Amino acid sequence: MAISLSKQYNFKLNEVTMEQAREIVKAKGMTMTDAISLFVEQIVLEQDLPIRTADDWRRERLISELQAQSEKAMKEYEAGKGISLEEMSARYGL
């Protein structure tokens, strides 16, 4: 897909990170201009950042941990190692 370029922009980036990114992009047969243009197009298409932020990673990890705990609790309950909802309600006055 040919991308029509009409304006040049300048960015300040970490030099080491930029060189690492350039090598990855080059291995994909693209230039940094191609990659950045695609990134900006994705932002517009998705109306969001097409990457996960640190907060996204933390939220996903928390959800995974909660799911694992829930599954473990359910297995324990099914194996007769848990307490029933009725017992829980009585214990905590719910």
PDB file of N, CA and C in Angstrom:
ATOM      1  N   MET A   1       0.849  -1.171   0.000  1.00  0.00           N
ATOM      2  CA  MET A   1       0.000   0.000   0.000  1.00  0.00           C
ATOM      3  C   MET A   1       0.892   1.231   0.000  1.00  0.00           C
ATOM      4  N   ALA A   2       0.706   2.101  -0.953  1.00  0.00           N
ATOM      5  CA  ALA A   2       1.481   3.329  -1.026  1.00  0.00           C
ATOM      6  C   ALA A   2       0.869   4.376  -0.111  1.00  0.00           C
ATOM      7  N   ILE A   3       1.719   4.992   0.661  1.00  0.00           N
ATOM      8  CA  ILE A   3       1.267   6.016   1.590  1.00  0.00           C
ATOM      9  C   ILE A   3       1.663   7.363   1.014  1.00  0.00           C
ATOM     10  N   SER A   4       0.699   8.249   0.900  1.00  0.00           N
ATOM     11  CA  SER A   4       0.960   9.586   0.396  1.00  0.00           C
ATOM     12  C   SER A   4       1.449  10.454   1.544  1.00  0.00           C
ATOM     13  N   LEU A   5       2.690  10.915   1.429  1.00  0.00           N
ATOM     14  CA  LEU A   5       3.278  11.740   2.472  1.00  0.00           C
ATOM     15  C   LEU A   5       3.254  13.196   2.045  1.00  0.00           C
ATOM     16  N   SER A   6       2.801  14.058   2.939  1.00  0.00           N
ATOM     17  CA  SER A   6       2.677  15.456   2.562  1.00  0.00           C
ATOM     18  C   SER A   6       3.364  16.427   3.510  1.00  0.00           C
ATOM     19  N   LYS A   7       3.802  15.966   4.663  1.00  0.00           N
ATOM     20  CA  LYS A   7       4.421  16.860   5.633  1.00  0.00           C
ATOM     21  C   LYS A   7       5.455  16.099   6.450  1.00  0.00           C
ATOM     22  N   GLN A   8       6.539  16.786   6.780  1.00  0.00           N
ATOM     23  CA  GLN A   8       7.587  16.179   7.593  1.00  0.00           C
ATOM     24  C   GLN A   8       7.464  16.690   9.025  1.00  0.00           C
ATOM     25  N   TYR A   9       7.660  15.771   9.983  1.00  0.00           N
ATOM     26  CA  TYR A   9       7.615  16.104  11.403  1.00  0.00           C
ATOM     27  C   TYR A   9       8.925  15.684  12.036  1.00  0.00           C
ATOM     28  N   ASN A  10       9.300  16.365  13.091  1.00  0.00           N
ATOM     29  CA  ASN A  10      10.513  16.017  13.829  1.00  0.00           C
ATOM     30  C   ASN A  10      10.139  15.592  15.237  1.00  0.00           C
ATOM     31  N   PHE A  11      10.775  14.521  15.719  1.00  0.00           N
ATOM     32  CA  PHE A  11      10.518  13.996  17.050  1.00  0.00           C
ATOM     33  C   PHE A  11      11.836  13.818  17.775  1.00  0.00           C
ATOM     34  N   LYS A  12      11.804  13.934  19.072  1.00  0.00           N
ATOM     35  CA  LYS A  12      12.960  13.601  19.888  1.00  0.00           C
ATOM     36  C   LYS A  12      12.674  12.252  20.529  1.00  0.00           C
ATOM     37  N   LEU A  13      13.608  11.313  20.313  1.00  0.00           N
ATOM     38  CA  LEU A  13      13.458   9.969  20.844  1.00  0.00           C
ATOM     39  C   LEU A  13      14.767   9.522  21.465  1.00  0.00           C
ATOM     40  N   ASN A  14      14.687   8.531  22.321  1.00  0.00           N
ATOM     41  CA  ASN A  14      15.875   7.925  22.895  1.00  0.00           C
ATOM     42  C   ASN A  14      16.655   7.248  21.780  1.00  0.00           C
ATOM     43  N   GLU A  15      17.924   7.592  21.653  1.00  0.00           N
ATOM     44  CA  GLU A  15      18.732   7.111  20.529  1.00  0.00           C
ATOM     45  C   GLU A  15      18.872   5.593  20.508  1.00  0.00           C
ATOM     46  N   VAL A  16      19.123   4.991  21.667  1.00  0.00           N
ATOM     47  CA  VAL A  16      19.307   3.536  21.725  1.00  0.00           C
ATOM     48  C   VAL A  16      18.009   2.826  21.350  1.00  0.00           C
ATOM     49  N   THR A  17      16.897   3.283  21.914  1.00  0.00           N
ATOM     50  CA  THR A  17      15.595   2.680  21.616  1.00  0.00           C
ATOM     51  C   THR A  17      15.259   2.840  20.141  1.00  0.00           C
ATOM     52  N   MET A  18      15.568   4.011  19.581  1.00  0.00           N
ATOM     53  CA  MET A  18      15.286   4.265  18.166  1.00  0.00           C
ATOM     54  C   MET A  18      16.078   3.319  17.273  1.00  0.00           C
ATOM     55  N   GLU A  19      17.340   3.087  17.594  1.00  0.00           N
ATOM     56  CA  GLU A  19      18.154   2.184  16.788  1.00  0.00           C
ATOM     57  C   GLU A  19      17.637   0.747  16.874  1.00  0.00           C
ATOM     58  N   GLN A  20      17.208   0.342  18.063  1.00  0.00           N
ATOM     59  CA  GLN A  20      16.632  -0.998  18.210  1.00  0.00           C
ATOM     60  C   GLN A  20      15.358  -1.114  17.385  1.00  0.00           C
ATOM     61  N   ALA A  21      14.528  -0.095  17.443  1.00  0.00           N
ATOM     62  CA  ALA A  21      13.279  -0.100  16.667  1.00  0.00           C
ATOM     63  C   ALA A  21      13.580  -0.105  15.175  1.00  0.00           C
ATOM     64  N   ARG A  22      14.560   0.671  14.759  1.00  0.00           N
ATOM     65  CA  ARG A  22      14.916   0.745  13.333  1.00  0.00           C
ATOM     66  C   ARG A  22      15.327  -0.640  12.816  1.00  0.00           C
ATOM     67  N   GLU A  23      16.086  -1.396  13.596  1.00  0.00           N
ATOM     68  CA  GLU A  23      16.507  -2.737  13.188  1.00  0.00           C
ATOM     69  C   GLU A  23      15.316  -3.682  13.058  1.00  0.00           C
ATOM     70  N   ILE A  24      14.384  -3.587  13.997  1.00  0.00           N
ATOM     71  CA  ILE A  24      13.183  -4.433  13.952  1.00  0.00           C
ATOM     72  C   ILE A  24      12.345  -4.101  12.731  1.00  0.00           C
ATOM     73  N   VAL A  25      12.149  -2.811  12.500  1.00  0.00           N
ATOM     74  CA  VAL A  25      11.348  -2.357  11.360  1.00  0.00           C
ATOM     75  C   VAL A  25      12.031  -2.750  10.054  1.00  0.00           C
ATOM     76  N   LYS A  26      13.354  -2.597   9.990  1.00  0.00           N
ATOM     77  CA  LYS A  26      14.110  -2.967   8.785  1.00  0.00           C
ATOM     78  C   LYS A  26      13.957  -4.459   8.491  1.00  0.00           C
ATOM     79  N   ALA A  27      13.978  -5.281   9.551  1.00  0.00           N
ATOM     80  CA  ALA A  27      13.817  -6.735   9.371  1.00  0.00           C
ATOM     81  C   ALA A  27      12.446  -7.079   8.807  1.00  0.00           C
ATOM     82  N   LYS A  28      11.477  -6.187   9.003  1.00  0.00           N
ATOM     83  CA  LYS A  28      10.132  -6.381   8.459  1.00  0.00           C
ATOM     84  C   LYS A  28      10.018  -5.819   7.039  1.00  0.00           C
ATOM     85  N   GLY A  29      11.119  -5.287   6.514  1.00  0.00           N
ATOM     86  CA  GLY A  29      11.119  -4.744   5.155  1.00  0.00           C
ATOM     87  C   GLY A  29      10.482  -3.368   5.054  1.00  0.00           C
ATOM     88  N   MET A  30      10.524  -2.628   6.147  1.00  0.00           N
ATOM     89  CA  MET A  30       9.904  -1.301   6.166  1.00  0.00           C
ATOM     90  C   MET A  30      10.926  -0.251   6.592  1.00  0.00           C
ATOM     91  N   THR A  31      10.576   1.001   6.359  1.00  0.00           N
ATOM     92  CA  THR A  31      11.355   2.113   6.878  1.00  0.00           C
ATOM     93  C   THR A  31      10.662   2.634   8.130  1.00  0.00           C
ATOM     94  N   MET A  32      11.370   3.448   8.901  1.00  0.00           N
ATOM     95  CA  MET A  32      10.744   4.051  10.078  1.00  0.00           C
ATOM     96  C   MET A  32       9.591   4.961   9.653  1.00  0.00           C
ATOM     97  N   THR A  33       9.731   5.629   8.517  1.00  0.00           N
ATOM     98  CA  THR A  33       8.630   6.462   8.012  1.00  0.00           C
ATOM     99  C   THR A  33       7.390   5.608   7.766  1.00  0.00           C
ATOM    100  N   ASP A  34       7.582   4.440   7.127  1.00  0.00           N
ATOM    101  CA  ASP A  34       6.460   3.527   6.900  1.00  0.00           C
ATOM    102  C   ASP A  34       5.814   3.122   8.224  1.00  0.00           C
ATOM    103  N   ALA A  35       6.658   2.706   9.176  1.00  0.00           N
ATOM    104  CA  ALA A  35       6.150   2.209  10.458  1.00  0.00           C
ATOM    105  C   ALA A  35       5.405   3.299  11.233  1.00  0.00           C
ATOM    106  N   ILE A  36       5.986   4.479  11.293  1.00  0.00           N
ATOM    107  CA  ILE A  36       5.332   5.569  12.035  1.00  0.00           C
ATOM    108  C   ILE A  36       4.045   5.990  11.343  1.00  0.00           C
ATOM    109  N   SER A  37       4.052   6.002  10.026  1.00  0.00           N
ATOM    110  CA  SER A  37       2.820   6.340   9.282  1.00  0.00           C
ATOM    111  C   SER A  37       1.722   5.325   9.575  1.00  0.00           C
ATOM    112  N   LEU A  38       2.072   4.031   9.591  1.00  0.00           N
ATOM    113  CA  LEU A  38       1.089   2.995   9.914  1.00  0.00           C
ATOM    114  C   LEU A  38       0.579   3.142  11.345  1.00  0.00           C
ATOM    115  N   PHE A  39       1.481   3.467  12.259  1.00  0.00           N
ATOM    116  CA  PHE A  39       1.102   3.669  13.656  1.00  0.00           C
ATOM    117  C   PHE A  39       0.080   4.801  13.776  1.00  0.00           C
ATOM    118  N   VAL A  40       0.345   5.911  13.118  1.00  0.00           N
ATOM    119  CA  VAL A  40      -0.573   7.059  13.171  1.00  0.00           C
ATOM    120  C   VAL A  40      -1.907   6.704  12.518  1.00  0.00           C
ATOM    121  N   GLU A  41      -1.871   5.971  11.401  1.00  0.00           N
ATOM    122  CA  GLU A  41      -3.120   5.541  10.752  1.00  0.00           C
ATOM    123  C   GLU A  41      -3.937   4.654  11.690  1.00  0.00           C
ATOM    124  N   GLN A  42      -3.275   3.748  12.421  1.00  0.00           N
ATOM    125  CA  GLN A  42      -3.983   2.881  13.368  1.00  0.00           C
ATOM    126  C   GLN A  42      -4.636   3.691  14.479  1.00  0.00           C
ATOM    127  N   ILE A  43      -3.960   4.716  14.960  1.00  0.00           N
ATOM    128  CA  ILE A  43      -4.547   5.582  15.986  1.00  0.00           C
ATOM    129  C   ILE A  43      -5.860   6.166  15.471  1.00  0.00           C
ATOM    130  N   VAL A  44      -5.854   6.636  14.241  1.00  0.00           N
ATOM    131  CA  VAL A  44      -7.051   7.230  13.651  1.00  0.00           C
ATOM    132  C   VAL A  44      -8.127   6.165  13.443  1.00  0.00           C
ATOM    133  N   LEU A  45      -7.767   5.002  12.892  1.00  0.00           N
ATOM    134  CA  LEU A  45      -8.741   3.942  12.639  1.00  0.00           C
ATOM    135  C   LEU A  45      -9.395   3.438  13.921  1.00  0.00           C
ATOM    136  N   GLU A  46      -8.589   3.234  14.955  1.00  0.00           N
ATOM    137  CA  GLU A  46      -9.103   2.676  16.208  1.00  0.00           C
ATOM    138  C   GLU A  46      -9.634   3.746  17.156  1.00  0.00           C
ATOM    139  N   GLN A  47      -9.318   5.006  16.850  1.00  0.00           N
ATOM    140  CA  GLN A  47      -9.680   6.103  17.745  1.00  0.00           C
ATOM    141  C   GLN A  47      -9.134   5.860  19.148  1.00  0.00           C
ATOM    142  N   ASP A  48      -7.935   5.272  19.176  1.00  0.00           N
ATOM    143  CA  ASP A  48      -7.281   4.918  20.425  1.00  0.00           C
ATOM    144  C   ASP A  48      -5.830   4.569  20.097  1.00  0.00           C
ATOM    145  N   LEU A  49      -5.021   4.414  21.109  1.00  0.00           N
ATOM    146  CA  LEU A  49      -3.656   3.960  20.879  1.00  0.00           C
ATOM    147  C   LEU A  49      -3.664   2.457  20.614  1.00  0.00           C
ATOM    148  N   PRO A  50      -3.017   2.005  19.536  1.00  0.00           N
ATOM    149  CA  PRO A  50      -3.005   0.575  19.216  1.00  0.00           C
ATOM    150  C   PRO A  50      -1.924  -0.185  19.981  1.00  0.00           C
ATOM    151  N   ILE A  51      -1.602   0.287  21.167  1.00  0.00           N
ATOM    152  CA  ILE A  51      -0.611  -0.366  22.017  1.00  0.00           C
ATOM    153  C   ILE A  51      -1.158  -0.414  23.429  1.00  0.00           C
ATOM    154  N   ARG A  52      -0.583  -1.290  24.232  1.00  0.00           N
ATOM    155  CA  ARG A  52      -0.988  -1.363  25.636  1.00  0.00           C
ATOM    156  C   ARG A  52      -0.059  -0.489  26.468  1.00  0.00           C
ATOM    157  N   THR A  53      -0.660   0.334  27.297  1.00  0.00           N
ATOM    158  CA  THR A  53       0.114   1.171  28.194  1.00  0.00           C
ATOM    159  C   THR A  53       0.487   0.370  29.440  1.00  0.00           C
ATOM    160  N   ALA A  54       1.314   0.949  30.290  1.00  0.00           N
ATOM    161  CA  ALA A  54       1.688   0.286  31.545  1.00  0.00           C
ATOM    162  C   ALA A  54       0.442   0.019  32.380  1.00  0.00           C
ATOM    163  N   ASP A  55      -0.510   0.963  32.383  1.00  0.00           N
ATOM    164  CA  ASP A  55      -1.765   0.754  33.116  1.00  0.00           C
ATOM    165  C   ASP A  55      -2.554  -0.415  32.538  1.00  0.00           C
ATOM    166  N   ASP A  56      -2.569  -0.531  31.209  1.00  0.00           N
ATOM    167  CA  ASP A  56      -3.258  -1.658  30.562  1.00  0.00           C
ATOM    168  C   ASP A  56      -2.635  -2.983  30.996  1.00  0.00           C
ATOM    169  N   TRP A  57      -1.298  -3.048  31.011  1.00  0.00           N
ATOM    170  CA  TRP A  57      -0.601  -4.270  31.423  1.00  0.00           C
ATOM    171  C   TRP A  57      -0.949  -4.626  32.854  1.00  0.00           C
ATOM    172  N   ARG A  58      -0.934  -3.621  33.763  1.00  0.00           N
ATOM    173  CA  ARG A  58      -1.267  -3.877  35.171  1.00  0.00           C
ATOM    174  C   ARG A  58      -2.702  -4.363  35.316  1.00  0.00           C
ATOM    175  N   ARG A  59      -3.627  -3.742  34.589  1.00  0.00           N
ATOM    176  CA  ARG A  59      -5.036  -4.125  34.649  1.00  0.00           C
ATOM    177  C   ARG A  59      -5.219  -5.555  34.146  1.00  0.00           C
ATOM    178  N   GLU A  60      -4.564  -5.897  33.037  1.00  0.00           N
ATOM    179  CA  GLU A  60      -4.666  -7.258  32.495  1.00  0.00           C
ATOM    180  C   GLU A  60      -4.087  -8.286  33.464  1.00  0.00           C
ATOM    181  N   ARG A  61      -2.967  -7.943  34.102  1.00  0.00           N
ATOM    182  CA  ARG A  61      -2.359  -8.856  35.073  1.00  0.00           C
ATOM    183  C   ARG A  61      -3.278  -9.053  36.272  1.00  0.00           C
ATOM    184  N   LEU A  62      -3.877  -7.967  36.757  1.00  0.00           N
ATOM    185  CA  LEU A  62      -4.799  -8.058  37.890  1.00  0.00           C
ATOM    186  C   LEU A  62      -6.002  -8.925  37.542  1.00  0.00           C
ATOM    187  N   ILE A  63      -6.563  -8.726  36.362  1.00  0.00           N
ATOM    188  CA  ILE A  63      -7.714  -9.524  35.938  1.00  0.00           C
ATOM    189  C   ILE A  63      -7.326 -11.002  35.850  1.00  0.00           C
ATOM    190  N   SER A  64      -6.148 -11.297  35.312  1.00  0.00           N
ATOM    191  CA  SER A  64      -5.688 -12.686  35.222  1.00  0.00           C
ATOM    192  C   SER A  64      -5.525 -13.305  36.601  1.00  0.00           C
ATOM    193  N   GLU A  65      -4.955 -12.529  37.531  1.00  0.00           N
ATOM    194  CA  GLU A  65      -4.784 -13.031  38.893  1.00  0.00           C
ATOM    195  C   GLU A  65      -6.130 -13.292  39.559  1.00  0.00           C
ATOM    196  N   LEU A  66      -7.079 -12.382  39.366  1.00  0.00           N
ATOM    197  CA  LEU A  66      -8.407 -12.562  39.952  1.00  0.00           C
ATOM    198  C   LEU A  66      -9.110 -13.785  39.358  1.00  0.00           C
ATOM    199  N   GLN A  67      -8.968 -13.979  38.047  1.00  0.00           N
ATOM    200  CA  GLN A  67      -9.562 -15.154  37.404  1.00  0.00           C
ATOM    201  C   GLN A  67      -8.948 -16.434  37.953  1.00  0.00           C
ATOM    202  N   ALA A  68      -7.631 -16.440  38.125  1.00  0.00           N
ATOM    203  CA  ALA A  68      -6.947 -17.631  38.648  1.00  0.00           C
ATOM    204  C   ALA A  68      -7.403 -17.921  40.078  1.00  0.00           C
ATOM    205  N   GLN A  69      -7.536 -16.888  40.894  1.00  0.00           N
ATOM    206  CA  GLN A  69      -8.003 -17.079  42.269  1.00  0.00           C
ATOM    207  C   GLN A  69      -9.439 -17.602  42.288  1.00  0.00           C
ATOM    208  N   SER A  70     -10.265 -17.061  41.408  1.00  0.00           N
ATOM    209  CA  SER A  70     -11.662 -17.514  41.341  1.00  0.00           C
ATOM    210  C   SER A  70     -11.751 -18.972  40.924  1.00  0.00           C
ATOM    211  N   GLU A  71     -10.950 -19.349  39.916  1.00  0.00           N
ATOM    212  CA  GLU A  71     -10.944 -20.737  39.458  1.00  0.00           C
ATOM    213  C   GLU A  71     -10.456 -21.676  40.564  1.00  0.00           C
ATOM    214  N   LYS A  72      -9.417 -21.262  41.283  1.00  0.00           N
ATOM    215  CA  LYS A  72      -8.889 -22.072  42.380  1.00  0.00           C
ATOM    216  C   LYS A  72      -9.944 -22.234  43.468  1.00  0.00           C
ATOM    217  N   ALA A  73     -10.618 -21.140  43.824  1.00  0.00           N
ATOM    218  CA  ALA A  73     -11.655 -21.199  44.862  1.00  0.00           C
ATOM    219  C   ALA A  73     -12.801 -22.099  44.425  1.00  0.00           C
ATOM    220  N   MET A  74     -13.179 -22.035  43.149  1.00  0.00           N
ATOM    221  CA  MET A  74     -14.269 -22.866  42.648  1.00  0.00           C
ATOM    222  C   MET A  74     -13.889 -24.343  42.699  1.00  0.00           C
ATOM    223  N   LYS A  75     -12.653 -24.667  42.318  1.00  0.00           N
ATOM    224  CA  LYS A  75     -12.193 -26.058  42.365  1.00  0.00           C
ATOM    225  C   LYS A  75     -12.156 -26.571  43.801  1.00  0.00           C
ATOM    226  N   GLU A  76     -11.707 -25.721  44.713  1.00  0.00           N
ATOM    227  CA  GLU A  76     -11.680 -26.119  46.122  1.00  0.00           C
ATOM    228  C   GLU A  76     -13.098 -26.358  46.637  1.00  0.00           C
ATOM    229  N   TYR A  77     -14.009 -25.495  46.259  1.00  0.00           N
ATOM    230  CA  TYR A  77     -15.402 -25.649  46.684  1.00  0.00           C
ATOM    231  C   TYR A  77     -15.988 -26.943  46.131  1.00  0.00           C
ATOM    232  N   GLU A  78     -15.730 -27.187  44.836  1.00  0.00           N
ATOM    233  CA  GLU A  78     -16.247 -28.400  44.193  1.00  0.00           C
ATOM    234  C   GLU A  78     -15.638 -29.658  44.814  1.00  0.00           C
ATOM    235  N   ALA A  79     -14.426 -29.542  45.354  1.00  0.00           N
ATOM    236  CA  ALA A  79     -13.767 -30.687  45.993  1.00  0.00           C
ATOM    237  C   ALA A  79     -14.170 -30.816  47.455  1.00  0.00           C
ATOM    238  N   GLY A  80     -15.122 -29.988  47.870  1.00  0.00           N
ATOM    239  CA  GLY A  80     -15.607 -30.063  49.242  1.00  0.00           C
ATOM    240  C   GLY A  80     -14.730 -29.337  50.254  1.00  0.00           C
ATOM    241  N   LYS A  81     -13.820 -28.504  49.772  1.00  0.00           N
ATOM    242  CA  LYS A  81     -12.906 -27.801  50.670  1.00  0.00           C
ATOM    243  C   LYS A  81     -13.369 -26.376  50.984  1.00  0.00           C
ATOM    244  N   GLY A  82     -14.455 -25.961  50.384  1.00  0.00           N
ATOM    245  CA  GLY A  82     -14.934 -24.600  50.595  1.00  0.00           C
ATOM    246  C   GLY A  82     -16.158 -24.570  51.482  1.00  0.00           C
ATOM    247  N   ILE A  83     -16.732 -23.388  51.602  1.00  0.00           N
ATOM    248  CA  ILE A  83     -17.975 -23.267  52.363  1.00  0.00           C
ATOM    249  C   ILE A  83     -19.063 -22.763  51.435  1.00  0.00           C
ATOM    250  N   SER A  84     -20.281 -23.088  51.743  1.00  0.00           N
ATOM    251  CA  SER A  84     -21.402 -22.712  50.887  1.00  0.00           C
ATOM    252  C   SER A  84     -21.728 -21.228  51.048  1.00  0.00           C
ATOM    253  N   LEU A  85     -22.506 -20.733  50.127  1.00  0.00           N
ATOM    254  CA  LEU A  85     -22.960 -19.351  50.188  1.00  0.00           C
ATOM    255  C   LEU A  85     -23.774 -19.118  51.457  1.00  0.00           C
ATOM    256  N   GLU A  86     -24.559 -20.102  51.831  1.00  0.00           N
ATOM    257  CA  GLU A  86     -25.364 -19.984  53.042  1.00  0.00           C
ATOM    258  C   GLU A  86     -24.470 -19.867  54.276  1.00  0.00           C
ATOM    259  N   GLU A  87     -23.423 -20.703  54.323  1.00  0.00           N
ATOM    260  CA  GLU A  87     -22.484 -20.633  55.445  1.00  0.00           C
ATOM    261  C   GLU A  87     -21.757 -19.291  55.473  1.00  0.00           C
ATOM    262  N   MET A  88     -21.372 -18.821  54.303  1.00  0.00           N
ATOM    263  CA  MET A  88     -20.682 -17.537  54.199  1.00  0.00           C
ATOM    264  C   MET A  88     -21.595 -16.407  54.664  1.00  0.00           C
ATOM    265  N   SER A  89     -22.846 -16.448  54.246  1.00  0.00           N
ATOM    266  CA  SER A  89     -23.813 -15.413  54.640  1.00  0.00           C
ATOM    267  C   SER A  89     -24.010 -15.426  56.156  1.00  0.00           C
ATOM    268  N   ALA A  90     -24.119 -16.620  56.723  1.00  0.00           N
ATOM    269  CA  ALA A  90     -24.319 -16.732  58.174  1.00  0.00           C
ATOM    270  C   ALA A  90     -23.076 -16.249  58.914  1.00  0.00           C
ATOM    271  N   ARG A  91     -21.914 -16.638  58.417  1.00  0.00           N
ATOM    272  CA  ARG A  91     -20.666 -16.267  59.085  1.00  0.00           C
ATOM    273  C   ARG A  91     -20.469 -14.761  59.133  1.00  0.00           C
ATOM    274  N   TYR A  92     -20.833 -14.084  58.060  1.00  0.00           N
ATOM    275  CA  TYR A  92     -20.569 -12.634  57.956  1.00  0.00           C
ATOM    276  C   TYR A  92     -21.834 -11.790  58.103  1.00  0.00           C
ATOM    277  N   GLY A  93     -22.942 -12.421  58.491  1.00  0.00           N
ATOM    278  CA  GLY A  93     -24.167 -11.682  58.713  1.00  0.00           C
ATOM    279  C   GLY A  93     -24.716 -10.986  57.486  1.00  0.00           C
ATOM    280  N   LEU A  94     -24.616 -11.645  56.373  1.00  0.00           N
ATOM    281  CA  LEU A  94     -25.099 -11.072  55.102  1.00  0.00           C
ATOM    282  C   LEU A  94     -26.515 -11.489  54.805  1.00  0.00           C
TER     283      LEU A  94
END
